[in-house]
Amino acid sequence: MKNRTSIIALLAITLTGCNTSDWQYLFNGKDFEGFVQRGGQAQFRVGEGEMAGVSTPATPNSFMCTEEEYSDFILEFEVKVDTLLNSGVQIRSHVNDNGTVFGYQIEIDPTARGWSGGIYDEARRGWLYPVTPMRRWGVTVTAPFHHCMT
């Protein structure tokens, strides 16, 4: 099985208002300062100002998590996802004593299924808000980069 790559090019969060001066950039574009890897065994790297993860078949999901926790925020980022995989961004998630990441994942799905924008409860209840033909958010994932805000 071929390894797959997802790239997060820009990761920013605002904790107060929506003024551009209020934005706090989480990723410095150089290294993983302020982040910690949790879960599976995917390989992560930084190059050309981008954070990239390469999946490792037959291992649990892998997560690159911020060391700091945030409460009231707007998260905005750009992502490139392999068209054969789905992905997502965890928000309001936690780690239990055995290292399992759990919590809400906003789905990023470039497949024909098209469930981008759905809400999945990782390692707990499963789909909380699946996107179906009757509940489309108007989210379309097309190559190469996708601008996301949650």
C-alpha atoms as a PDB file:
ATOM      1  CA  MET A   1       0.000   0.000   0.000  1.00  0.00           C
ATOM      2  CA  LYS A   2       1.279   3.442  -0.938  1.00  0.00           C
ATOM      3  CA  ASN A   3       1.817   6.062   1.768  1.00  0.00           C
ATOM      4  CA  ARG A   4      -0.309   9.190   1.425  1.00  0.00           C
ATOM      5  CA  THR A   5       0.499  12.788   2.244  1.00  0.00           C
ATOM      6  CA  SER A   6      -1.567  15.632   3.670  1.00  0.00           C
ATOM      7  CA  ILE A   7      -0.155  19.132   3.908  1.00  0.00           C
ATOM      8  CA  ILE A   8      -1.226  21.943   6.174  1.00  0.00           C
ATOM      9  CA  ALA A   9       0.216  25.107   4.665  1.00  0.00           C
ATOM     10  CA  LEU A  10      -1.088  27.784   7.000  1.00  0.00           C
ATOM     11  CA  LEU A  11      -2.512  27.450  10.479  1.00  0.00           C
ATOM     12  CA  ALA A  12      -3.851  30.508  12.253  1.00  0.00           C
ATOM     13  CA  ILE A  13      -6.249  31.093  15.093  1.00  0.00           C
ATOM     14  CA  THR A  14      -7.938  34.155  16.505  1.00  0.00           C
ATOM     15  CA  LEU A  15      -8.830  34.143  20.164  1.00  0.00           C
ATOM     16  CA  THR A  16     -10.613  37.457  20.532  1.00  0.00           C
ATOM     17  CA  GLY A  17     -12.170  39.447  17.685  1.00  0.00           C
ATOM     18  CA  CYS A  18     -11.944  39.148  13.948  1.00  0.00           C
ATOM     19  CA  ASN A  19      -9.445  41.945  13.354  1.00  0.00           C
ATOM     20  CA  THR A  20      -6.341  40.790  11.512  1.00  0.00           C
ATOM     21  CA  SER A  21      -4.209  42.140  14.364  1.00  0.00           C
ATOM     22  CA  ASP A  22      -5.897  39.639  16.716  1.00  0.00           C
ATOM     23  CA  TRP A  23      -4.728  36.579  14.756  1.00  0.00           C
ATOM     24  CA  GLN A  24      -2.205  34.293  16.399  1.00  0.00           C
ATOM     25  CA  TYR A  25      -0.269  32.085  13.980  1.00  0.00           C
ATOM     26  CA  LEU A  26       0.115  28.590  15.433  1.00  0.00           C
ATOM     27  CA  PHE A  27       2.635  27.278  12.919  1.00  0.00           C
ATOM     28  CA  ASN A  28       5.925  29.157  12.431  1.00  0.00           C
ATOM     29  CA  GLY A  29       6.651  27.523   9.049  1.00  0.00           C
ATOM     30  CA  LYS A  30      10.053  26.231  10.231  1.00  0.00           C
ATOM     31  CA  ASP A  31       9.582  23.460  12.797  1.00  0.00           C
ATOM     32  CA  PHE A  32       7.093  21.817  15.165  1.00  0.00           C
ATOM     33  CA  GLU A  33       7.624  24.264  18.038  1.00  0.00           C
ATOM     34  CA  GLY A  34       4.344  24.377  19.986  1.00  0.00           C
ATOM     35  CA  PHE A  35       3.146  21.010  18.594  1.00  0.00           C
ATOM     36  CA  VAL A  36       3.277  17.400  19.753  1.00  0.00           C
ATOM     37  CA  GLN A  37       2.518  14.233  17.756  1.00  0.00           C
ATOM     38  CA  ARG A  38      -0.071  11.890  19.226  1.00  0.00           C
ATOM     39  CA  GLY A  39      -1.692   8.624  18.197  1.00  0.00           C
ATOM     40  CA  GLY A  40      -0.301   6.561  15.328  1.00  0.00           C
ATOM     41  CA  GLN A  41       3.027   6.380  13.557  1.00  0.00           C
ATOM     42  CA  ALA A  42       2.608   8.755  10.597  1.00  0.00           C
ATOM     43  CA  GLN A  43       5.748  10.627   9.622  1.00  0.00           C
ATOM     44  CA  PHE A  44       5.489  14.416   9.872  1.00  0.00           C
ATOM     45  CA  ARG A  45       7.898  16.934   8.360  1.00  0.00           C
ATOM     46  CA  VAL A  46       8.228  20.654   7.736  1.00  0.00           C
ATOM     47  CA  GLY A  47       9.436  21.958   4.390  1.00  0.00           C
ATOM     48  CA  GLU A  48       8.915  25.096   2.314  1.00  0.00           C
ATOM     49  CA  GLY A  49       6.823  26.630   5.095  1.00  0.00           C
ATOM     50  CA  GLU A  50       4.410  23.699   5.136  1.00  0.00           C
ATOM     51  CA  MET A  51       3.646  20.969   7.653  1.00  0.00           C
ATOM     52  CA  ALA A  52       3.140  17.558   6.028  1.00  0.00           C
ATOM     53  CA  GLY A  53       2.069  14.185   7.329  1.00  0.00           C
ATOM     54  CA  VAL A  54       2.556  10.889   5.499  1.00  0.00           C
ATOM     55  CA  SER A  55       0.184   8.117   6.554  1.00  0.00           C
ATOM     56  CA  THR A  56       1.524   4.782   7.737  1.00  0.00           C
ATOM     57  CA  PRO A  57      -0.702   1.858   6.697  1.00  0.00           C
ATOM     58  CA  ALA A  58      -2.117  -0.443   9.396  1.00  0.00           C
ATOM     59  CA  THR A  59      -1.442   2.003  12.250  1.00  0.00           C
ATOM     60  CA  PRO A  60      -3.889   4.113  14.282  1.00  0.00           C
ATOM     61  CA  ASN A  61      -4.753   7.657  13.226  1.00  0.00           C
ATOM     62  CA  SER A  62      -1.959  10.168  13.824  1.00  0.00           C
ATOM     63  CA  PHE A  63      -2.424  13.722  15.037  1.00  0.00           C
ATOM     64  CA  MET A  64      -0.188  16.781  15.175  1.00  0.00           C
ATOM     65  CA  CYS A  65      -1.617  18.643  18.170  1.00  0.00           C
ATOM     66  CA  THR A  66      -0.951  22.056  19.634  1.00  0.00           C
ATOM     67  CA  GLU A  67       0.648  21.951  23.073  1.00  0.00           C
ATOM     68  CA  GLU A  68      -1.565  24.848  24.158  1.00  0.00           C
ATOM     69  CA  GLU A  69      -5.342  24.506  24.578  1.00  0.00           C
ATOM     70  CA  TYR A  70      -7.739  27.113  23.183  1.00  0.00           C
ATOM     71  CA  SER A  71     -11.343  27.845  24.117  1.00  0.00           C
ATOM     72  CA  ASP A  72     -13.073  30.649  22.184  1.00  0.00           C
ATOM     73  CA  PHE A  73     -11.520  30.739  18.719  1.00  0.00           C
ATOM     74  CA  ILE A  74     -11.833  30.854  14.955  1.00  0.00           C
ATOM     75  CA  LEU A  75      -9.475  28.449  13.209  1.00  0.00           C
ATOM     76  CA  GLU A  76      -8.438  29.163   9.629  1.00  0.00           C
ATOM     77  CA  PHE A  77      -6.053  27.053   7.556  1.00  0.00           C
ATOM     78  CA  GLU A  78      -5.212  25.743   4.119  1.00  0.00           C
ATOM     79  CA  VAL A  79      -4.880  22.028   3.479  1.00  0.00           C
ATOM     80  CA  LYS A  80      -3.892  19.735   0.638  1.00  0.00           C
ATOM     81  CA  VAL A  81      -5.198  16.184   0.941  1.00  0.00           C
ATOM     82  CA  ASP A  82      -4.466  13.122  -1.167  1.00  0.00           C
ATOM     83  CA  THR A  83      -7.549  12.483  -3.300  1.00  0.00           C
ATOM     84  CA  LEU A  84      -7.682   8.841  -2.161  1.00  0.00           C
ATOM     85  CA  LEU A  85      -7.872   9.712   1.547  1.00  0.00           C
ATOM     86  CA  ASN A  86     -10.131  11.625   3.834  1.00  0.00           C
ATOM     87  CA  SER A  87      -8.756  13.840   6.565  1.00  0.00           C
ATOM     88  CA  GLY A  88      -9.957  16.359   9.076  1.00  0.00           C
ATOM     89  CA  VAL A  89      -9.050  18.864  11.718  1.00  0.00           C
ATOM     90  CA  GLN A  90      -9.653  18.116  15.381  1.00  0.00           C
ATOM     91  CA  ILE A  91     -11.204  20.884  17.474  1.00  0.00           C
ATOM     92  CA  ARG A  92     -11.974  20.810  21.201  1.00  0.00           C
ATOM     93  CA  SER A  93     -10.222  17.449  21.409  1.00  0.00           C
ATOM     94  CA  HIS A  94      -8.371  15.819  24.282  1.00  0.00           C
ATOM     95  CA  VAL A  95      -5.977  12.949  24.976  1.00  0.00           C
ATOM     96  CA  ASN A  96      -6.773  10.172  27.443  1.00  0.00           C
ATOM     97  CA  ASP A  97      -4.283   8.380  29.718  1.00  0.00           C
ATOM     98  CA  ASN A  98      -3.298   5.809  27.068  1.00  0.00           C
ATOM     99  CA  GLY A  99      -2.565   8.526  24.463  1.00  0.00           C
ATOM    100  CA  THR A 100      -5.758   8.217  22.390  1.00  0.00           C
ATOM    101  CA  VAL A 101      -6.958  11.489  20.881  1.00  0.00           C
ATOM    102  CA  PHE A 102     -10.718  11.957  21.136  1.00  0.00           C
ATOM    103  CA  GLY A 103     -13.115  14.751  20.283  1.00  0.00           C
ATOM    104  CA  TYR A 104     -14.656  16.605  17.380  1.00  0.00           C
ATOM    105  CA  GLN A 105     -13.214  16.331  13.882  1.00  0.00           C
ATOM    106  CA  ILE A 106     -14.346  18.575  11.054  1.00  0.00           C
ATOM    107  CA  GLU A 107     -14.183  16.261   8.039  1.00  0.00           C
ATOM    108  CA  ILE A 108     -12.124  17.067   4.939  1.00  0.00           C
ATOM    109  CA  ASP A 109     -13.237  14.614   2.264  1.00  0.00           C
ATOM    110  CA  PRO A 110     -12.013  14.997  -1.339  1.00  0.00           C
ATOM    111  CA  THR A 111     -13.676  11.719  -2.426  1.00  0.00           C
ATOM    112  CA  ALA A 112     -16.906  11.459  -4.425  1.00  0.00           C
ATOM    113  CA  ARG A 113     -18.732  10.944  -1.105  1.00  0.00           C
ATOM    114  CA  GLY A 114     -18.114  14.641  -0.397  1.00  0.00           C
ATOM    115  CA  TRP A 115     -18.617  14.735   3.382  1.00  0.00           C
ATOM    116  CA  SER A 116     -16.402  17.796   3.928  1.00  0.00           C
ATOM    117  CA  GLY A 117     -17.796  19.902   6.752  1.00  0.00           C
ATOM    118  CA  GLY A 118     -19.352  16.932   8.556  1.00  0.00           C
ATOM    119  CA  ILE A 119     -18.612  16.520  12.273  1.00  0.00           C
ATOM    120  CA  TYR A 120     -17.147  13.232  13.488  1.00  0.00           C
ATOM    121  CA  ASP A 121     -16.578  12.422  17.177  1.00  0.00           C
ATOM    122  CA  GLU A 122     -13.143  10.716  17.013  1.00  0.00           C
ATOM    123  CA  ALA A 123     -12.708   7.625  19.240  1.00  0.00           C
ATOM    124  CA  ARG A 124     -16.144   8.012  20.843  1.00  0.00           C
ATOM    125  CA  ARG A 125     -19.589   8.258  19.223  1.00  0.00           C
ATOM    126  CA  GLY A 126     -18.776   8.397  15.496  1.00  0.00           C
ATOM    127  CA  TRP A 127     -20.725  10.686  13.168  1.00  0.00           C
ATOM    128  CA  LEU A 128     -22.573  13.512  14.927  1.00  0.00           C
ATOM    129  CA  TYR A 129     -23.389  15.437  11.771  1.00  0.00           C
ATOM    130  CA  PRO A 130     -22.701  13.489   8.596  1.00  0.00           C
ATOM    131  CA  VAL A 131     -23.126  15.399   5.367  1.00  0.00           C
ATOM    132  CA  THR A 132     -25.711  13.655   3.218  1.00  0.00           C
ATOM    133  CA  PRO A 133     -27.417  14.651  -0.053  1.00  0.00           C
ATOM    134  CA  MET A 134     -30.165  16.322   2.040  1.00  0.00           C
ATOM    135  CA  ARG A 135     -27.661  18.150   4.304  1.00  0.00           C
ATOM    136  CA  ARG A 136     -24.926  19.634   2.093  1.00  0.00           C
ATOM    137  CA  TRP A 137     -22.965  22.577   3.470  1.00  0.00           C
ATOM    138  CA  GLY A 138     -21.894  23.721   0.034  1.00  0.00           C
ATOM    139  CA  VAL A 139     -18.331  22.660   0.845  1.00  0.00           C
ATOM    140  CA  THR A 140     -16.440  21.426  -2.179  1.00  0.00           C
ATOM    141  CA  VAL A 141     -12.903  20.122  -1.922  1.00  0.00           C
ATOM    142  CA  THR A 142     -10.927  20.545  -5.131  1.00  0.00           C
ATOM    143  CA  ALA A 143      -7.206  20.307  -5.843  1.00  0.00           C
ATOM    144  CA  PRO A 144      -4.669  21.416  -4.980  1.00  0.00           C
ATOM    145  CA  PHE A 145      -5.227  23.516  -1.796  1.00  0.00           C
ATOM    146  CA  HIS A 146      -8.407  24.077   0.183  1.00  0.00           C
ATOM    147  CA  HIS A 147      -9.025  27.100   2.381  1.00  0.00           C
ATOM    148  CA  CYS A 148     -10.886  26.096   5.550  1.00  0.00           C
ATOM    149  CA  MET A 149     -12.321  28.035   8.455  1.00  0.00           C
ATOM    150  CA  THR A 150     -14.109  26.669  11.486  1.00  0.00           C
END
